[in-house]
Amino acid sequence: MNKVQRAIQHLKDKWAIESNWDFVLIMIVFSLAGMNVSMGRKPLFHLLGVTARTPFAIKTFLYLLFLFPMYQISLLIYGFLLGQFGFFWKKQKQLVGFIRKKLAGKHTASSKSELR
């Protein structure tokens, strides 16, 4: 088994995917969602007045505010269209749980330091 096959098998095992076809469809969904965001960034940034002179921090903030959710929604839409909605819905729930945990952890850490 070569490196590519091992990498694919690792992802299939990690994601509990049985068939190669499901793996291919999931990779297509990731690709379509990524293209969606890539194509949407330029018109959105133009609409918001972002230029080459706009500070990187502002671009990053706008990306996270608008394009990250657009990517997540695109994953669900393309996942639905290609029959992989269950996989991507599960991943969305895990992502939301992870974000909540991180936000709660930061809140808890700052609360603990305030108590000292």
PDB file of N, CA and C in Angstrom:
ATOM      1  N   MET A   1       0.854  -1.180   0.000  1.00  0.00           N
ATOM      2  CA  MET A   1       0.000   0.000   0.000  1.00  0.00           C
ATOM      3  C   MET A   1       0.902   1.246   0.000  1.00  0.00           C
ATOM      4  N   ASN A   2       0.682   2.145  -0.948  1.00  0.00           N
ATOM      5  CA  ASN A   2       1.513   3.357  -1.016  1.00  0.00           C
ATOM      6  C   ASN A   2       0.992   4.433  -0.067  1.00  0.00           C
ATOM      7  N   LYS A   3       1.700   5.569  -0.027  1.00  0.00           N
ATOM      8  CA  LYS A   3       1.362   6.635   0.918  1.00  0.00           C
ATOM      9  C   LYS A   3      -0.033   7.198   0.704  1.00  0.00           C
ATOM     10  N   VAL A   4      -0.419   7.376  -0.553  1.00  0.00           N
ATOM     11  CA  VAL A   4      -1.748   7.929  -0.850  1.00  0.00           C
ATOM     12  C   VAL A   4      -2.834   6.971  -0.388  1.00  0.00           C
ATOM     13  N   GLN A   5      -2.668   5.712  -0.667  1.00  0.00           N
ATOM     14  CA  GLN A   5      -3.654   4.719  -0.236  1.00  0.00           C
ATOM     15  C   GLN A   5      -3.748   4.653   1.279  1.00  0.00           C
ATOM     16  N   ARG A   6      -2.602   4.751   1.958  1.00  0.00           N
ATOM     17  CA  ARG A   6      -2.609   4.750   3.433  1.00  0.00           C
ATOM     18  C   ARG A   6      -3.321   5.985   3.968  1.00  0.00           C
ATOM     19  N   ALA A   7      -3.087   7.138   3.330  1.00  0.00           N
ATOM     20  CA  ALA A   7      -3.733   8.375   3.774  1.00  0.00           C
ATOM     21  C   ALA A   7      -5.246   8.281   3.588  1.00  0.00           C
ATOM     22  N   ILE A   8      -5.663   7.751   2.449  1.00  0.00           N
ATOM     23  CA  ILE A   8      -7.103   7.589   2.189  1.00  0.00           C
ATOM     24  C   ILE A   8      -7.706   6.618   3.192  1.00  0.00           C
ATOM     25  N   GLN A   9      -7.030   5.512   3.422  1.00  0.00           N
ATOM     26  CA  GLN A   9      -7.547   4.525   4.383  1.00  0.00           C
ATOM     27  C   GLN A   9      -7.616   5.123   5.787  1.00  0.00           C
ATOM     28  N   HIS A  10      -6.635   5.927   6.148  1.00  0.00           N
ATOM     29  CA  HIS A  10      -6.643   6.580   7.459  1.00  0.00           C
ATOM     30  C   HIS A  10      -7.880   7.479   7.596  1.00  0.00           C
ATOM     31  N   LEU A  11      -8.166   8.272   6.567  1.00  0.00           N
ATOM     32  CA  LEU A  11      -9.345   9.142   6.626  1.00  0.00           C
ATOM     33  C   LEU A  11     -10.630   8.327   6.651  1.00  0.00           C
ATOM     34  N   LYS A  12     -10.698   7.278   5.859  1.00  0.00           N
ATOM     35  CA  LYS A  12     -11.894   6.427   5.867  1.00  0.00           C
ATOM     36  C   LYS A  12     -12.114   5.821   7.252  1.00  0.00           C
ATOM     37  N   ASP A  13     -11.043   5.378   7.881  1.00  0.00           N
ATOM     38  CA  ASP A  13     -11.152   4.814   9.228  1.00  0.00           C
ATOM     39  C   ASP A  13     -11.566   5.894  10.231  1.00  0.00           C
ATOM     40  N   LYS A  14     -10.918   7.041  10.163  1.00  0.00           N
ATOM     41  CA  LYS A  14     -11.201   8.138  11.093  1.00  0.00           C
ATOM     42  C   LYS A  14     -12.645   8.612  10.974  1.00  0.00           C
ATOM     43  N   TRP A  15     -13.120   8.695   9.745  1.00  0.00           N
ATOM     44  CA  TRP A  15     -14.476   9.195   9.496  1.00  0.00           C
ATOM     45  C   TRP A  15     -15.525   8.087   9.467  1.00  0.00           C
ATOM     46  N   ALA A  16     -15.121   6.853   9.687  1.00  0.00           N
ATOM     47  CA  ALA A  16     -16.021   5.693   9.670  1.00  0.00           C
ATOM     48  C   ALA A  16     -16.762   5.590   8.336  1.00  0.00           C
ATOM     49  N   ILE A  17     -16.003   5.688   7.258  1.00  0.00           N
ATOM     50  CA  ILE A  17     -16.554   5.571   5.908  1.00  0.00           C
ATOM     51  C   ILE A  17     -16.232   4.177   5.394  1.00  0.00           C
ATOM     52  N   GLU A  18     -17.227   3.506   4.892  1.00  0.00           N
ATOM     53  CA  GLU A  18     -17.033   2.140   4.402  1.00  0.00           C
ATOM     54  C   GLU A  18     -16.576   2.100   2.948  1.00  0.00           C
ATOM     55  N   SER A  19     -17.231   2.854   2.092  1.00  0.00           N
ATOM     56  CA  SER A  19     -16.985   2.685   0.657  1.00  0.00           C
ATOM     57  C   SER A  19     -16.081   3.776   0.090  1.00  0.00           C
ATOM     58  N   ASN A  20     -15.386   3.394  -0.963  1.00  0.00           N
ATOM     59  CA  ASN A  20     -14.554   4.354  -1.677  1.00  0.00           C
ATOM     60  C   ASN A  20     -15.429   5.423  -2.341  1.00  0.00           C
ATOM     61  N   TRP A  21     -16.603   5.027  -2.800  1.00  0.00           N
ATOM     62  CA  TRP A  21     -17.505   5.966  -3.456  1.00  0.00           C
ATOM     63  C   TRP A  21     -17.939   7.072  -2.494  1.00  0.00           C
ATOM     64  N   ASP A  22     -18.281   6.724  -1.267  1.00  0.00           N
ATOM     65  CA  ASP A  22     -18.637   7.745  -0.275  1.00  0.00           C
ATOM     66  C   ASP A  22     -17.459   8.682  -0.030  1.00  0.00           C
ATOM     67  N   PHE A  23     -16.251   8.118   0.028  1.00  0.00           N
ATOM     68  CA  PHE A  23     -15.063   8.943   0.221  1.00  0.00           C
ATOM     69  C   PHE A  23     -14.903   9.934  -0.929  1.00  0.00           C
ATOM     70  N   VAL A  24     -15.087   9.464  -2.149  1.00  0.00           N
ATOM     71  CA  VAL A  24     -14.973  10.339  -3.327  1.00  0.00           C
ATOM     72  C   VAL A  24     -16.024  11.444  -3.257  1.00  0.00           C
ATOM     73  N   LEU A  25     -17.259  11.094  -2.915  1.00  0.00           N
ATOM     74  CA  LEU A  25     -18.320  12.102  -2.826  1.00  0.00           C
ATOM     75  C   LEU A  25     -18.019  13.143  -1.750  1.00  0.00           C
ATOM     76  N   ILE A  26     -17.493  12.708  -0.625  1.00  0.00           N
ATOM     77  CA  ILE A  26     -17.144  13.634   0.452  1.00  0.00           C
ATOM     78  C   ILE A  26     -16.032  14.579  -0.004  1.00  0.00           C
ATOM     79  N   MET A  27     -15.049  14.065  -0.712  1.00  0.00           N
ATOM     80  CA  MET A  27     -13.971  14.919  -1.227  1.00  0.00           C
ATOM     81  C   MET A  27     -14.516  15.920  -2.253  1.00  0.00           C
ATOM     82  N   ILE A  28     -15.479  15.497  -3.051  1.00  0.00           N
ATOM     83  CA  ILE A  28     -16.103  16.407  -4.021  1.00  0.00           C
ATOM     84  C   ILE A  28     -16.856  17.507  -3.290  1.00  0.00           C
ATOM     85  N   VAL A  29     -17.558  17.153  -2.220  1.00  0.00           N
ATOM     86  CA  VAL A  29     -18.281  18.162  -1.433  1.00  0.00           C
ATOM     87  C   VAL A  29     -17.305  19.183  -0.863  1.00  0.00           C
ATOM     88  N   PHE A  30     -16.202  18.721  -0.281  1.00  0.00           N
ATOM     89  CA  PHE A  30     -15.196  19.657   0.235  1.00  0.00           C
ATOM     90  C   PHE A  30     -14.682  20.573  -0.877  1.00  0.00           C
ATOM     91  N   SER A  31     -14.448  20.008  -2.040  1.00  0.00           N
ATOM     92  CA  SER A  31     -13.943  20.803  -3.160  1.00  0.00           C
ATOM     93  C   SER A  31     -14.955  21.840  -3.624  1.00  0.00           C
ATOM     94  N   LEU A  32     -16.198  21.436  -3.770  1.00  0.00           N
ATOM     95  CA  LEU A  32     -17.240  22.374  -4.216  1.00  0.00           C
ATOM     96  C   LEU A  32     -17.450  23.496  -3.206  1.00  0.00           C
ATOM     97  N   ALA A  33     -17.466  23.157  -1.934  1.00  0.00           N
ATOM     98  CA  ALA A  33     -17.650  24.186  -0.900  1.00  0.00           C
ATOM     99  C   ALA A  33     -16.468  25.149  -0.896  1.00  0.00           C
ATOM    100  N   GLY A  34     -15.275  24.624  -1.054  1.00  0.00           N
ATOM    101  CA  GLY A  34     -14.094  25.484  -1.110  1.00  0.00           C
ATOM    102  C   GLY A  34     -14.123  26.411  -2.318  1.00  0.00           C
ATOM    103  N   MET A  35     -14.533  25.881  -3.458  1.00  0.00           N
ATOM    104  CA  MET A  35     -14.644  26.726  -4.655  1.00  0.00           C
ATOM    105  C   MET A  35     -15.711  27.785  -4.472  1.00  0.00           C
ATOM    106  N   ASN A  36     -16.794  27.420  -3.822  1.00  0.00           N
ATOM    107  CA  ASN A  36     -17.880  28.359  -3.550  1.00  0.00           C
ATOM    108  C   ASN A  36     -17.369  29.567  -2.775  1.00  0.00           C
ATOM    109  N   VAL A  37     -16.624  29.312  -1.719  1.00  0.00           N
ATOM    110  CA  VAL A  37     -16.085  30.383  -0.887  1.00  0.00           C
ATOM    111  C   VAL A  37     -15.030  31.168  -1.652  1.00  0.00           C
ATOM    112  N   SER A  38     -14.196  30.454  -2.371  1.00  0.00           N
ATOM    113  CA  SER A  38     -13.146  31.121  -3.137  1.00  0.00           C
ATOM    114  C   SER A  38     -13.740  32.077  -4.174  1.00  0.00           C
ATOM    115  N   MET A  39     -14.773  31.640  -4.836  1.00  0.00           N
ATOM    116  CA  MET A  39     -15.413  32.477  -5.849  1.00  0.00           C
ATOM    117  C   MET A  39     -16.238  33.596  -5.215  1.00  0.00           C
ATOM    118  N   GLY A  40     -16.743  33.372  -4.025  1.00  0.00           N
ATOM    119  CA  GLY A  40     -17.571  34.372  -3.362  1.00  0.00           C
ATOM    120  C   GLY A  40     -16.800  35.448  -2.629  1.00  0.00           C
ATOM    121  N   ARG A  41     -15.548  35.161  -2.309  1.00  0.00           N
ATOM    122  CA  ARG A  41     -14.747  36.101  -1.527  1.00  0.00           C
ATOM    123  C   ARG A  41     -14.536  37.426  -2.256  1.00  0.00           C
ATOM    124  N   LYS A  42     -14.118  37.369  -3.495  1.00  0.00           N
ATOM    125  CA  LYS A  42     -13.781  38.596  -4.218  1.00  0.00           C
ATOM    126  C   LYS A  42     -14.985  39.539  -4.346  1.00  0.00           C
ATOM    127  N   PRO A  43     -16.147  39.074  -4.821  1.00  0.00           N
ATOM    128  CA  PRO A  43     -17.285  39.994  -4.897  1.00  0.00           C
ATOM    129  C   PRO A  43     -17.741  40.500  -3.520  1.00  0.00           C
ATOM    130  N   LEU A  44     -17.683  39.641  -2.517  1.00  0.00           N
ATOM    131  CA  LEU A  44     -18.097  40.055  -1.180  1.00  0.00           C
ATOM    132  C   LEU A  44     -17.150  41.118  -0.632  1.00  0.00           C
ATOM    133  N   PHE A  45     -15.849  40.874  -0.760  1.00  0.00           N
ATOM    134  CA  PHE A  45     -14.891  41.860  -0.286  1.00  0.00           C
ATOM    135  C   PHE A  45     -15.014  43.172  -1.052  1.00  0.00           C
ATOM    136  N   HIS A  46     -15.282  43.089  -2.351  1.00  0.00           N
ATOM    137  CA  HIS A  46     -15.487  44.316  -3.136  1.00  0.00           C
ATOM    138  C   HIS A  46     -16.708  45.075  -2.612  1.00  0.00           C
ATOM    139  N   LEU A  47     -17.779  44.348  -2.362  1.00  0.00           N
ATOM    140  CA  LEU A  47     -19.010  44.948  -1.836  1.00  0.00           C
ATOM    141  C   LEU A  47     -18.765  45.616  -0.479  1.00  0.00           C
ATOM    142  N   LEU A  48     -17.914  45.014   0.332  1.00  0.00           N
ATOM    143  CA  LEU A  48     -17.615  45.550   1.660  1.00  0.00           C
ATOM    144  C   LEU A  48     -16.520  46.624   1.632  1.00  0.00           C
ATOM    145  N   GLY A  49     -15.960  46.879   0.454  1.00  0.00           N
ATOM    146  CA  GLY A  49     -14.947  47.918   0.330  1.00  0.00           C
ATOM    147  C   GLY A  49     -13.552  47.491   0.748  1.00  0.00           C
ATOM    148  N   VAL A  50     -13.300  46.193   0.770  1.00  0.00           N
ATOM    149  CA  VAL A  50     -11.979  45.681   1.128  1.00  0.00           C
ATOM    150  C   VAL A  50     -11.064  45.818  -0.092  1.00  0.00           C
ATOM    151  N   THR A  51      -9.892  46.384   0.121  1.00  0.00           N
ATOM    152  CA  THR A  51      -8.901  46.554  -0.946  1.00  0.00           C
ATOM    153  C   THR A  51      -7.582  45.920  -0.525  1.00  0.00           C
ATOM    154  N   ALA A  52      -6.600  46.032  -1.401  1.00  0.00           N
ATOM    155  CA  ALA A  52      -5.269  45.516  -1.083  1.00  0.00           C
ATOM    156  C   ALA A  52      -4.661  46.258   0.101  1.00  0.00           C
ATOM    157  N   ARG A  53      -5.110  47.481   0.333  1.00  0.00           N
ATOM    158  CA  ARG A  53      -4.580  48.283   1.442  1.00  0.00           C
ATOM    159  C   ARG A  53      -5.293  48.015   2.778  1.00  0.00           C
ATOM    160  N   THR A  54      -6.359  47.253   2.735  1.00  0.00           N
ATOM    161  CA  THR A  54      -7.072  46.925   3.972  1.00  0.00           C
ATOM    162  C   THR A  54      -6.172  46.061   4.848  1.00  0.00           C
ATOM    163  N   PRO A  55      -6.045  46.399   6.123  1.00  0.00           N
ATOM    164  CA  PRO A  55      -5.186  45.608   7.019  1.00  0.00           C
ATOM    165  C   PRO A  55      -5.601  44.138   7.065  1.00  0.00           C
ATOM    166  N   PHE A  56      -4.590  43.290   7.170  1.00  0.00           N
ATOM    167  CA  PHE A  56      -4.804  41.850   7.195  1.00  0.00           C
ATOM    168  C   PHE A  56      -5.766  41.440   8.317  1.00  0.00           C
ATOM    169  N   ALA A  57      -5.667  42.071   9.468  1.00  0.00           N
ATOM    170  CA  ALA A  57      -6.531  41.723  10.602  1.00  0.00           C
ATOM    171  C   ALA A  57      -7.998  41.956  10.261  1.00  0.00           C
ATOM    172  N   ILE A  58      -8.283  43.019   9.537  1.00  0.00           N
ATOM    173  CA  ILE A  58      -9.670  43.303   9.146  1.00  0.00           C
ATOM    174  C   ILE A  58     -10.135  42.268   8.117  1.00  0.00           C
ATOM    175  N   LYS A  59      -9.271  41.942   7.172  1.00  0.00           N
ATOM    176  CA  LYS A  59      -9.629  40.910   6.183  1.00  0.00           C
ATOM    177  C   LYS A  59      -9.918  39.581   6.875  1.00  0.00           C
ATOM    178  N   THR A  60      -9.091  39.238   7.842  1.00  0.00           N
ATOM    179  CA  THR A  60      -9.279  37.989   8.573  1.00  0.00           C
ATOM    180  C   THR A  60     -10.597  38.005   9.338  1.00  0.00           C
ATOM    181  N   PHE A  61     -10.884  39.113  10.007  1.00  0.00           N
ATOM    182  CA  PHE A  61     -12.139  39.237  10.744  1.00  0.00           C
ATOM    183  C   PHE A  61     -13.334  39.083   9.803  1.00  0.00           C
ATOM    184  N   LEU A  62     -13.293  39.761   8.657  1.00  0.00           N
ATOM    185  CA  LEU A  62     -14.398  39.681   7.691  1.00  0.00           C
ATOM    186  C   LEU A  62     -14.531  38.269   7.124  1.00  0.00           C
ATOM    187  N   TYR A  63     -13.391  37.624   6.888  1.00  0.00           N
ATOM    188  CA  TYR A  63     -13.415  36.253   6.402  1.00  0.00           C
ATOM    189  C   TYR A  63     -14.132  35.356   7.409  1.00  0.00           C
ATOM    190  N   LEU A  64     -13.743  35.464   8.669  1.00  0.00           N
ATOM    191  CA  LEU A  64     -14.362  34.628   9.699  1.00  0.00           C
ATOM    192  C   LEU A  64     -15.838  34.961   9.888  1.00  0.00           C
ATOM    193  N   LEU A  65     -16.170  36.225   9.769  1.00  0.00           N
ATOM    194  CA  LEU A  65     -17.544  36.658   9.969  1.00  0.00           C
ATOM    195  C   LEU A  65     -18.472  36.203   8.838  1.00  0.00           C
ATOM    196  N   PHE A  66     -18.001  36.282   7.601  1.00  0.00           N
ATOM    197  CA  PHE A  66     -18.870  35.999   6.453  1.00  0.00           C
ATOM    198  C   PHE A  66     -18.550  34.693   5.734  1.00  0.00           C
ATOM    199  N   LEU A  67     -17.284  34.460   5.435  1.00  0.00           N
ATOM    200  CA  LEU A  67     -16.935  33.347   4.564  1.00  0.00           C
ATOM    201  C   LEU A  67     -16.868  32.008   5.289  1.00  0.00           C
ATOM    202  N   PHE A  68     -16.453  31.990   6.536  1.00  0.00           N
ATOM    203  CA  PHE A  68     -16.437  30.731   7.281  1.00  0.00           C
ATOM    204  C   PHE A  68     -17.853  30.149   7.400  1.00  0.00           C
ATOM    205  N   PRO A  69     -18.857  30.946   7.793  1.00  0.00           N
ATOM    206  CA  PRO A  69     -20.217  30.388   7.817  1.00  0.00           C
ATOM    207  C   PRO A  69     -20.710  29.980   6.420  1.00  0.00           C
ATOM    208  N   MET A  70     -20.307  30.750   5.400  1.00  0.00           N
ATOM    209  CA  MET A  70     -20.694  30.410   4.030  1.00  0.00           C
ATOM    210  C   MET A  70     -20.130  29.038   3.645  1.00  0.00           C
ATOM    211  N   TYR A  71     -18.907  28.759   4.064  1.00  0.00           N
ATOM    212  CA  TYR A  71     -18.293  27.461   3.790  1.00  0.00           C
ATOM    213  C   TYR A  71     -19.054  26.345   4.499  1.00  0.00           C
ATOM    214  N   GLN A  72     -19.400  26.567   5.755  1.00  0.00           N
ATOM    215  CA  GLN A  72     -20.109  25.537   6.520  1.00  0.00           C
ATOM    216  C   GLN A  72     -21.478  25.242   5.911  1.00  0.00           C
ATOM    217  N   ILE A  73     -22.177  26.278   5.494  1.00  0.00           N
ATOM    218  CA  ILE A  73     -23.486  26.103   4.862  1.00  0.00           C
ATOM    219  C   ILE A  73     -23.329  25.406   3.517  1.00  0.00           C
ATOM    220  N   SER A  74     -22.294  25.777   2.769  1.00  0.00           N
ATOM    221  CA  SER A  74     -22.034  25.130   1.481  1.00  0.00           C
ATOM    222  C   SER A  74     -21.767  23.639   1.660  1.00  0.00           C
ATOM    223  N   LEU A  75     -21.041  23.286   2.703  1.00  0.00           N
ATOM    224  CA  LEU A  75     -20.806  21.865   2.973  1.00  0.00           C
ATOM    225  C   LEU A  75     -22.119  21.114   3.147  1.00  0.00           C
ATOM    226  N   LEU A  76     -23.033  21.709   3.900  1.00  0.00           N
ATOM    227  CA  LEU A  76     -24.323  21.043   4.124  1.00  0.00           C
ATOM    228  C   LEU A  76     -25.144  20.958   2.846  1.00  0.00           C
ATOM    229  N   ILE A  77     -25.156  22.027   2.066  1.00  0.00           N
ATOM    230  CA  ILE A  77     -25.947  22.030   0.827  1.00  0.00           C
ATOM    231  C   ILE A  77     -25.394  21.009  -0.161  1.00  0.00           C
ATOM    232  N   TYR A  78     -24.098  21.072  -0.433  1.00  0.00           N
ATOM    233  CA  TYR A  78     -23.508  20.115  -1.371  1.00  0.00           C
ATOM    234  C   TYR A  78     -23.551  18.702  -0.807  1.00  0.00           C
ATOM    235  N   GLY A  79     -23.392  18.568   0.489  1.00  0.00           N
ATOM    236  CA  GLY A  79     -23.520  17.249   1.107  1.00  0.00           C
ATOM    237  C   GLY A  79     -24.903  16.676   0.892  1.00  0.00           C
ATOM    238  N   PHE A  80     -25.926  17.504   1.019  1.00  0.00           N
ATOM    239  CA  PHE A  80     -27.297  17.061   0.775  1.00  0.00           C
ATOM    240  C   PHE A  80     -27.471  16.649  -0.685  1.00  0.00           C
ATOM    241  N   LEU A  81     -26.989  17.496  -1.593  1.00  0.00           N
ATOM    242  CA  LEU A  81     -27.153  17.228  -3.023  1.00  0.00           C
ATOM    243  C   LEU A  81     -26.422  15.956  -3.470  1.00  0.00           C
ATOM    244  N   LEU A  82     -25.332  15.628  -2.811  1.00  0.00           N
ATOM    245  CA  LEU A  82     -24.558  14.444  -3.192  1.00  0.00           C
ATOM    246  C   LEU A  82     -24.775  13.260  -2.247  1.00  0.00           C
ATOM    247  N   GLY A  83     -25.799  13.350  -1.410  1.00  0.00           N
ATOM    248  CA  GLY A  83     -26.154  12.220  -0.558  1.00  0.00           C
ATOM    249  C   GLY A  83     -25.243  12.004   0.638  1.00  0.00           C
ATOM    250  N   GLN A  84     -24.540  13.036   1.062  1.00  0.00           N
ATOM    251  CA  GLN A  84     -23.610  12.915   2.185  1.00  0.00           C
ATOM    252  C   GLN A  84     -23.988  13.857   3.334  1.00  0.00           C
ATOM    253  N   PHE A  85     -25.258  14.255   3.392  1.00  0.00           N
ATOM    254  CA  PHE A  85     -25.694  15.211   4.403  1.00  0.00           C
ATOM    255  C   PHE A  85     -25.414  14.708   5.811  1.00  0.00           C
ATOM    256  N   GLY A  86     -25.692  13.436   6.076  1.00  0.00           N
ATOM    257  CA  GLY A  86     -25.489  12.877   7.415  1.00  0.00           C
ATOM    258  C   GLY A  86     -24.058  13.032   7.894  1.00  0.00           C
ATOM    259  N   PHE A  87     -23.108  12.771   7.016  1.00  0.00           N
ATOM    260  CA  PHE A  87     -21.694  12.919   7.368  1.00  0.00           C
ATOM    261  C   PHE A  87     -21.385  14.363   7.738  1.00  0.00           C
ATOM    262  N   PHE A  88     -21.822  15.306   6.899  1.00  0.00           N
ATOM    263  CA  PHE A  88     -21.487  16.706   7.137  1.00  0.00           C
ATOM    264  C   PHE A  88     -22.289  17.306   8.289  1.00  0.00           C
ATOM    265  N   TRP A  89     -23.500  16.837   8.519  1.00  0.00           N
ATOM    266  CA  TRP A  89     -24.272  17.304   9.662  1.00  0.00           C
ATOM    267  C   TRP A  89     -23.591  16.874  10.960  1.00  0.00           C
ATOM    268  N   LYS A  90     -23.099  15.645  10.973  1.00  0.00           N
ATOM    269  CA  LYS A  90     -22.371  15.148  12.153  1.00  0.00           C
ATOM    270  C   LYS A  90     -21.127  15.997  12.397  1.00  0.00           C
ATOM    271  N   LYS A  91     -20.402  16.322  11.343  1.00  0.00           N
ATOM    272  CA  LYS A  91     -19.193  17.144  11.476  1.00  0.00           C
ATOM    273  C   LYS A  91     -19.536  18.561  11.941  1.00  0.00           C
ATOM    274  N   GLN A  92     -20.659  19.105  11.479  1.00  0.00           N
ATOM    275  CA  GLN A  92     -21.077  20.447  11.912  1.00  0.00           C
ATOM    276  C   GLN A  92     -21.375  20.450  13.405  1.00  0.00           C
ATOM    277  N   LYS A  93     -22.067  19.419  13.870  1.00  0.00           N
ATOM    278  CA  LYS A  93     -22.372  19.335  15.301  1.00  0.00           C
ATOM    279  C   LYS A  93     -21.094  19.223  16.126  1.00  0.00           C
ATOM    280  N   GLN A  94     -20.112  18.458  15.622  1.00  0.00           N
ATOM    281  CA  GLN A  94     -18.835  18.341  16.324  1.00  0.00           C
ATOM    282  C   GLN A  94     -18.116  19.689  16.350  1.00  0.00           C
ATOM    283  N   LEU A  95     -18.165  20.424  15.249  1.00  0.00           N
ATOM    284  CA  LEU A  95     -17.514  21.730  15.180  1.00  0.00           C
ATOM    285  C   LEU A  95     -18.156  22.707  16.162  1.00  0.00           C
ATOM    286  N   VAL A  96     -19.471  22.731  16.210  1.00  0.00           N
ATOM    287  CA  VAL A  96     -20.168  23.620  17.145  1.00  0.00           C
ATOM    288  C   VAL A  96     -19.822  23.247  18.583  1.00  0.00           C
ATOM    289  N   GLY A  97     -19.782  21.959  18.881  1.00  0.00           N
ATOM    290  CA  GLY A  97     -19.397  21.519  20.225  1.00  0.00           C
ATOM    291  C   GLY A  97     -17.982  21.932  20.573  1.00  0.00           C
ATOM    292  N   PHE A  98     -17.072  21.808  19.603  1.00  0.00           N
ATOM    293  CA  PHE A  98     -15.681  22.206  19.809  1.00  0.00           C
ATOM    294  C   PHE A  98     -15.580  23.707  20.087  1.00  0.00           C
ATOM    295  N   ILE A  99     -16.282  24.500  19.289  1.00  0.00           N
ATOM    296  CA  ILE A  99     -16.246  25.958  19.475  1.00  0.00           C
ATOM    297  C   ILE A  99     -16.832  26.333  20.829  1.00  0.00           C
ATOM    298  N   ARG A 100     -17.954  25.726  21.191  1.00  0.00           N
ATOM    299  CA  ARG A 100     -18.556  26.007  22.507  1.00  0.00           C
ATOM    300  C   ARG A 100     -17.594  25.648  23.634  1.00  0.00           C
ATOM    301  N   LYS A 101     -16.948  24.497  23.490  1.00  0.00           N
ATOM    302  CA  LYS A 101     -16.008  24.053  24.521  1.00  0.00           C
ATOM    303  C   LYS A 101     -14.852  25.039  24.653  1.00  0.00           C
ATOM    304  N   LYS A 102     -14.318  25.486  23.525  1.00  0.00           N
ATOM    305  CA  LYS A 102     -13.206  26.442  23.555  1.00  0.00           C
ATOM    306  C   LYS A 102     -13.641  27.777  24.144  1.00  0.00           C
ATOM    307  N   LEU A 103     -14.817  28.250  23.746  1.00  0.00           N
ATOM    308  CA  LEU A 103     -15.309  29.520  24.281  1.00  0.00           C
ATOM    309  C   LEU A 103     -15.600  29.407  25.771  1.00  0.00           C
ATOM    310  N   ALA A 104     -16.186  28.303  26.181  1.00  0.00           N
ATOM    311  CA  ALA A 104     -16.470  28.095  27.606  1.00  0.00           C
ATOM    312  C   ALA A 104     -15.172  27.960  28.386  1.00  0.00           C
ATOM    313  N   GLY A 105     -14.168  27.312  27.779  1.00  0.00           N
ATOM    314  CA  GLY A 105     -12.867  27.154  28.442  1.00  0.00           C
ATOM    315  C   GLY A 105     -12.190  28.484  28.650  1.00  0.00           C
ATOM    316  N   LYS A 106     -12.250  29.351  27.655  1.00  0.00           N
ATOM    317  CA  LYS A 106     -11.646  30.675  27.794  1.00  0.00           C
ATOM    318  C   LYS A 106     -12.402  31.488  28.820  1.00  0.00           C
ATOM    319  N   HIS A 107     -13.723  31.390  28.801  1.00  0.00           N
ATOM    320  CA  HIS A 107     -14.535  32.115  29.767  1.00  0.00           C
ATOM    321  C   HIS A 107     -14.239  31.616  31.179  1.00  0.00           C
ATOM    322  N   THR A 108     -14.162  30.296  31.323  1.00  0.00           N
ATOM    323  CA  THR A 108     -13.882  29.711  32.628  1.00  0.00           C
ATOM    324  C   THR A 108     -12.486  30.103  33.097  1.00  0.00           C
ATOM    325  N   ALA A 109     -11.515  30.085  32.189  1.00  0.00           N
ATOM    326  CA  ALA A 109     -10.144  30.439  32.576  1.00  0.00           C
ATOM    327  C   ALA A 109     -10.072  31.891  33.024  1.00  0.00           C
ATOM    328  N   SER A 110     -10.755  32.778  32.309  1.00  0.00           N
ATOM    329  CA  SER A 110     -10.715  34.195  32.701  1.00  0.00           C
ATOM    330  C   SER A 110     -11.475  34.408  34.009  1.00  0.00           C
ATOM    331  N   SER A 111     -12.520  33.624  34.223  1.00  0.00           N
ATOM    332  CA  SER A 111     -13.271  33.753  35.482  1.00  0.00           C
ATOM    333  C   SER A 111     -12.421  33.280  36.648  1.00  0.00           C
ATOM    334  N   LYS A 112     -11.650  32.208  36.449  1.00  0.00           N
ATOM    335  CA  LYS A 112     -10.801  31.704  37.508  1.00  0.00           C
ATOM    336  C   LYS A 112      -9.721  32.717  37.873  1.00  0.00           C
ATOM    337  N   SER A 113      -9.154  33.370  36.853  1.00  0.00           N
ATOM    338  CA  SER A 113      -8.101  34.342  37.147  1.00  0.00           C
ATOM    339  C   SER A 113      -8.664  35.570  37.840  1.00  0.00           C
ATOM    340  N   GLU A 114      -9.934  35.885  37.570  1.00  0.00           N
ATOM    341  CA  GLU A 114     -10.545  37.017  38.236  1.00  0.00           C
ATOM    342  C   GLU A 114     -10.804  36.724  39.716  1.00  0.00           C
ATOM    343  N   LEU A 115     -10.988  35.446  40.045  1.00  0.00           N
ATOM    344  CA  LEU A 115     -11.259  35.075  41.419  1.00  0.00           C
ATOM    345  C   LEU A 115     -10.008  35.151  42.281  1.00  0.00           C
ATOM    346  N   ARG A 116      -8.857  35.063  41.676  1.00  0.00           N
ATOM    347  CA  ARG A 116      -7.588  35.062  42.454  1.00  0.00           C
ATOM    348  C   ARG A 116      -7.164  36.411  42.850  1.00  0.00           C
TER     349      ARG A 116
END
